[in-house]
C-alpha atoms as a PDB file:
ATOM      1  CA  UNK A   1      -4.414  14.500 -23.956  1.00  0.00           C
ATOM      2  CA  UNK A   2      -3.181  10.889 -24.787  1.00  0.00           C
ATOM      3  CA  UNK A   3      -5.169   7.900 -23.225  1.00  0.00           C
ATOM      4  CA  UNK A   4      -2.318   7.394 -20.840  1.00  0.00           C
ATOM      5  CA  UNK A   5      -2.327  10.913 -19.404  1.00  0.00           C
ATOM      6  CA  UNK A   6      -6.389  11.116 -19.023  1.00  0.00           C
ATOM      7  CA  UNK A   7      -5.555   7.459 -17.117  1.00  0.00           C
ATOM      8  CA  UNK A   8      -3.076   8.909 -15.017  1.00  0.00           C
ATOM      9  CA  UNK A   9      -5.400  11.958 -14.067  1.00  0.00           C
ATOM     10  CA  UNK A  10      -8.341  10.119 -13.575  1.00  0.00           C
ATOM     11  CA  UNK A  11      -6.712   7.738 -11.041  1.00  0.00           C
ATOM     12  CA  UNK A  12      -5.215  10.836  -9.211  1.00  0.00           C
ATOM     13  CA  UNK A  13      -8.649  12.250  -8.765  1.00  0.00           C
ATOM     14  CA  UNK A  14      -9.889   8.780  -7.760  1.00  0.00           C
ATOM     15  CA  UNK A  15      -7.369   8.312  -5.278  1.00  0.00           C
ATOM     16  CA  UNK A  16      -8.159  11.927  -3.789  1.00  0.00           C
ATOM     17  CA  UNK A  17     -11.899  11.111  -3.587  1.00  0.00           C
ATOM     18  CA  UNK A  18     -11.806   7.608  -2.393  1.00  0.00           C
ATOM     19  CA  UNK A  19      -8.794   6.802  -0.681  1.00  0.00           C
ATOM     20  CA  UNK A  20      -6.701   7.779   2.490  1.00  0.00           C
ATOM     21  CA  UNK A  21      -2.656   7.765   3.251  1.00  0.00           C
ATOM     22  CA  UNK A  22      -1.618   6.349   6.762  1.00  0.00           C
ATOM     23  CA  UNK A  23       2.018   6.768   7.270  1.00  0.00           C
ATOM     24  CA  UNK A  24       3.539   4.412  10.367  1.00  0.00           C
ATOM     25  CA  UNK A  25       7.095   4.511  11.740  1.00  0.00           C
ATOM     26  CA  UNK A  26       8.714   1.193  12.468  1.00  0.00           C
ATOM     27  CA  UNK A  27      11.818   0.556  14.290  1.00  0.00           C
ATOM     28  CA  UNK A  28      14.530  -0.502  12.086  1.00  0.00           C
ATOM     29  CA  UNK A  29      14.218  -3.594  13.248  1.00  0.00           C
ATOM     30  CA  UNK A  30      10.808  -4.211  12.529  1.00  0.00           C
ATOM     31  CA  UNK A  31      10.903  -2.563   9.264  1.00  0.00           C
ATOM     32  CA  UNK A  32      13.895  -5.431   8.859  1.00  0.00           C
ATOM     33  CA  UNK A  33      11.641  -8.260   9.809  1.00  0.00           C
ATOM     34  CA  UNK A  34       8.593  -6.808   7.743  1.00  0.00           C
ATOM     35  CA  UNK A  35      10.647  -6.322   4.711  1.00  0.00           C
ATOM     36  CA  UNK A  36      12.498 -10.126   4.906  1.00  0.00           C
ATOM     37  CA  UNK A  37       8.985 -11.909   5.438  1.00  0.00           C
ATOM     38  CA  UNK A  38       7.478  -9.905   2.425  1.00  0.00           C
ATOM     39  CA  UNK A  39      10.311 -10.519   0.607  1.00  0.00           C
ATOM     40  CA  UNK A  40      10.601 -14.546   1.583  1.00  0.00           C
ATOM     41  CA  UNK A  41       6.737 -14.580   0.686  1.00  0.00           C
ATOM     42  CA  UNK A  42       6.978 -12.421  -2.348  1.00  0.00           C
ATOM     43  CA  UNK A  43       4.143 -10.043  -1.224  1.00  0.00           C
ATOM     44  CA  UNK A  44       4.497  -6.321  -1.059  1.00  0.00           C
ATOM     45  CA  UNK A  45       4.210  -4.851   1.706  1.00  0.00           C
ATOM     46  CA  UNK A  46       0.941  -2.407   1.501  1.00  0.00           C
ATOM     47  CA  UNK A  47      -0.606  -5.844   0.441  1.00  0.00           C
ATOM     48  CA  UNK A  48       0.501  -7.599   3.587  1.00  0.00           C
ATOM     49  CA  UNK A  49      -0.550  -4.804   5.841  1.00  0.00           C
ATOM     50  CA  UNK A  50      -3.735  -4.225   3.921  1.00  0.00           C
ATOM     51  CA  UNK A  51      -5.004  -7.810   4.420  1.00  0.00           C
ATOM     52  CA  UNK A  52      -3.683  -8.332   8.183  1.00  0.00           C
ATOM     53  CA  UNK A  53      -5.798  -5.123   8.815  1.00  0.00           C
ATOM     54  CA  UNK A  54      -8.614  -6.759   6.940  1.00  0.00           C
ATOM     55  CA  UNK A  55      -8.423  -9.648   8.648  1.00  0.00           C
ATOM     56  CA  UNK A  56      -8.902  -7.662  11.831  1.00  0.00           C
ATOM     57  CA  UNK A  57     -11.585  -5.264  11.063  1.00  0.00           C
ATOM     58  CA  UNK A  58     -13.764  -7.462   8.717  1.00  0.00           C
END
């Protein structure tokens, strides 16, 4: 097994054991506003959402 394949397998296992996924549904306008904000601030949507959640719960 190549180093790349090993790392990929390890990351998949780690994610399965240590993370959870959530799904949200946004209206088209909410999504567009979120995307525009993230684009103009050069930030990934997931990074922005996790940051805002951390601001509230931590």
